[in-house]
Amino acid sequence: FVESHPELTNYSIKRKPEELALAIAAAIAAHAGL
């Protein structure tokens, strides 16, 4: 999953854990088509 969303790796480097969680949630929602 993360491989298809390389921005998640960048987030983990540049962002706070809370923002990473939000980014992951948004990516999952987009992946699920919500």
PDB file of N, CA and C in Angstrom:
ATOM      1  N   PHE A   1       0.839  -1.207   0.000  1.00  0.00           N
ATOM      2  CA  PHE A   1       0.000   0.000   0.000  1.00  0.00           C
ATOM      3  C   PHE A   1       0.869   1.251   0.000  1.00  0.00           C
ATOM      4  N   VAL A   2       1.831   1.290   0.923  1.00  0.00           N
ATOM      5  CA  VAL A   2       2.710   2.461   1.010  1.00  0.00           C
ATOM      6  C   VAL A   2       3.539   2.604  -0.263  1.00  0.00           C
ATOM      7  N   GLU A   3       3.885   1.474  -0.876  1.00  0.00           N
ATOM      8  CA  GLU A   3       4.670   1.537  -2.107  1.00  0.00           C
ATOM      9  C   GLU A   3       3.941   2.312  -3.194  1.00  0.00           C
ATOM     10  N   SER A   4       2.615   2.200  -3.223  1.00  0.00           N
ATOM     11  CA  SER A   4       1.844   2.910  -4.241  1.00  0.00           C
ATOM     12  C   SER A   4       1.541   4.343  -3.831  1.00  0.00           C
ATOM     13  N   HIS A   5       1.933   4.710  -2.600  1.00  0.00           N
ATOM     14  CA  HIS A   5       1.738   6.078  -2.109  1.00  0.00           C
ATOM     15  C   HIS A   5       3.049   6.583  -1.506  1.00  0.00           C
ATOM     16  N   PRO A   6       4.034   6.906  -2.361  1.00  0.00           N
ATOM     17  CA  PRO A   6       5.358   7.300  -1.852  1.00  0.00           C
ATOM     18  C   PRO A   6       5.316   8.547  -0.993  1.00  0.00           C
ATOM     19  N   GLU A   7       4.253   9.353  -1.116  1.00  0.00           N
ATOM     20  CA  GLU A   7       4.164  10.556  -0.287  1.00  0.00           C
ATOM     21  C   GLU A   7       4.080  10.213   1.196  1.00  0.00           C
ATOM     22  N   LEU A   8       3.618   9.014   1.512  1.00  0.00           N
ATOM     23  CA  LEU A   8       3.543   8.615   2.919  1.00  0.00           C
ATOM     24  C   LEU A   8       4.938   8.507   3.521  1.00  0.00           C
ATOM     25  N   THR A   9       5.892   8.025   2.728  1.00  0.00           N
ATOM     26  CA  THR A   9       7.258   7.934   3.218  1.00  0.00           C
ATOM     27  C   THR A   9       7.825   9.320   3.461  1.00  0.00           C
ATOM     28  N   ASN A  10       7.531  10.252   2.550  1.00  0.00           N
ATOM     29  CA  ASN A  10       8.003  11.621   2.713  1.00  0.00           C
ATOM     30  C   ASN A  10       7.377  12.275   3.932  1.00  0.00           C
ATOM     31  N   TYR A  11       6.103  11.999   4.179  1.00  0.00           N
ATOM     32  CA  TYR A  11       5.424  12.562   5.338  1.00  0.00           C
ATOM     33  C   TYR A  11       6.106  12.122   6.627  1.00  0.00           C
ATOM     34  N   SER A  12       6.499  10.876   6.706  1.00  0.00           N
ATOM     35  CA  SER A  12       7.083  10.356   7.933  1.00  0.00           C
ATOM     36  C   SER A  12       8.394  11.061   8.248  1.00  0.00           C
ATOM     37  N   ILE A  13       9.044  11.603   7.212  1.00  0.00           N
ATOM     38  CA  ILE A  13      10.307  12.305   7.421  1.00  0.00           C
ATOM     39  C   ILE A  13      10.061  13.765   7.789  1.00  0.00           C
ATOM     40  N   LYS A  14       9.109  14.399   7.118  1.00  0.00           N
ATOM     41  CA  LYS A  14       8.951  15.845   7.230  1.00  0.00           C
ATOM     42  C   LYS A  14       7.915  16.272   8.265  1.00  0.00           C
ATOM     43  N   ARG A  15       6.999  15.379   8.623  1.00  0.00           N
ATOM     44  CA  ARG A  15       5.829  15.790   9.391  1.00  0.00           C
ATOM     45  C   ARG A  15       5.824  15.204  10.794  1.00  0.00           C
ATOM     46  N   LYS A  16       4.934  15.735  11.610  1.00  0.00           N
ATOM     47  CA  LYS A  16       4.711  15.191  12.949  1.00  0.00           C
ATOM     48  C   LYS A  16       3.904  13.899  12.851  1.00  0.00           C
ATOM     49  N   PRO A  17       4.002  13.030  13.850  1.00  0.00           N
ATOM     50  CA  PRO A  17       3.229  11.772  13.812  1.00  0.00           C
ATOM     51  C   PRO A  17       1.738  11.995  13.629  1.00  0.00           C
ATOM     52  N   GLU A  18       1.200  13.045  14.247  1.00  0.00           N
ATOM     53  CA  GLU A  18      -0.231  13.320  14.108  1.00  0.00           C
ATOM     54  C   GLU A  18      -0.579  13.616  12.654  1.00  0.00           C
ATOM     55  N   GLU A  19       0.276  14.387  11.994  1.00  0.00           N
ATOM     56  CA  GLU A  19       0.017  14.722  10.597  1.00  0.00           C
ATOM     57  C   GLU A  19       0.199  13.498   9.711  1.00  0.00           C
ATOM     58  N   LEU A  20       1.147  12.635  10.085  1.00  0.00           N
ATOM     59  CA  LEU A  20       1.327  11.400   9.335  1.00  0.00           C
ATOM     60  C   LEU A  20       0.074  10.544   9.423  1.00  0.00           C
ATOM     61  N   ALA A  21      -0.515  10.471  10.620  1.00  0.00           N
ATOM     62  CA  ALA A  21      -1.738   9.684  10.800  1.00  0.00           C
ATOM     63  C   ALA A  21      -2.862  10.233   9.929  1.00  0.00           C
ATOM     64  N   LEU A  22      -2.975  11.562   9.874  1.00  0.00           N
ATOM     65  CA  LEU A  22      -4.004  12.178   9.036  1.00  0.00           C
ATOM     66  C   LEU A  22      -3.742  11.882   7.558  1.00  0.00           C
ATOM     67  N   ALA A  23      -2.480  11.943   7.161  1.00  0.00           N
ATOM     68  CA  ALA A  23      -2.138  11.673   5.768  1.00  0.00           C
ATOM     69  C   ALA A  23      -2.469  10.232   5.399  1.00  0.00           C
ATOM     70  N   ILE A  24      -2.167   9.309   6.311  1.00  0.00           N
ATOM     71  CA  ILE A  24      -2.477   7.901   6.058  1.00  0.00           C
ATOM     72  C   ILE A  24      -3.981   7.706   5.963  1.00  0.00           C
ATOM     73  N   ALA A  25      -4.722   8.334   6.878  1.00  0.00           N
ATOM     74  CA  ALA A  25      -6.181   8.214   6.859  1.00  0.00           C
ATOM     75  C   ALA A  25      -6.745   8.747   5.546  1.00  0.00           C
ATOM     76  N   ALA A  26      -6.212   9.875   5.085  1.00  0.00           N
ATOM     77  CA  ALA A  26      -6.678  10.457   3.826  1.00  0.00           C
ATOM     78  C   ALA A  26      -6.343   9.537   2.653  1.00  0.00           C
ATOM     79  N   ALA A  27      -5.147   8.955   2.683  1.00  0.00           N
ATOM     80  CA  ALA A  27      -4.748   8.059   1.601  1.00  0.00           C
ATOM     81  C   ALA A  27      -5.609   6.805   1.592  1.00  0.00           C
ATOM     82  N   ILE A  28      -5.918   6.282   2.779  1.00  0.00           N
ATOM     83  CA  ILE A  28      -6.778   5.099   2.862  1.00  0.00           C
ATOM     84  C   ILE A  28      -8.172   5.430   2.339  1.00  0.00           C
ATOM     85  N   ALA A  29      -8.691   6.597   2.721  1.00  0.00           N
ATOM     86  CA  ALA A  29     -10.014   7.007   2.253  1.00  0.00           C
ATOM     87  C   ALA A  29     -10.023   7.135   0.727  1.00  0.00           C
ATOM     88  N   ALA A  30      -8.974   7.737   0.171  1.00  0.00           N
ATOM     89  CA  ALA A  30      -8.893   7.887  -1.277  1.00  0.00           C
ATOM     90  C   ALA A  30      -8.758   6.514  -1.943  1.00  0.00           C
ATOM     91  N   HIS A  31      -7.978   5.629  -1.321  1.00  0.00           N
ATOM     92  CA  HIS A  31      -7.771   4.290  -1.860  1.00  0.00           C
ATOM     93  C   HIS A  31      -9.076   3.505  -1.853  1.00  0.00           C
ATOM     94  N   ALA A  32      -9.902   3.755  -0.840  1.00  0.00           N
ATOM     95  CA  ALA A  32     -11.182   3.059  -0.717  1.00  0.00           C
ATOM     96  C   ALA A  32     -12.261   3.700  -1.589  1.00  0.00           C
ATOM     97  N   GLY A  33     -11.935   4.856  -2.172  1.00  0.00           N
ATOM     98  CA  GLY A  33     -12.888   5.522  -3.042  1.00  0.00           C
ATOM     99  C   GLY A  33     -13.913   6.350  -2.298  1.00  0.00           C
ATOM    100  N   LEU A  34     -13.604   6.764  -1.082  1.00  0.00           N
ATOM    101  CA  LEU A  34     -14.542   7.563  -0.288  1.00  0.00           C
ATOM    102  C   LEU A  34     -14.409   9.041  -0.629  1.00  0.00           C
TER     103      LEU A  34
END
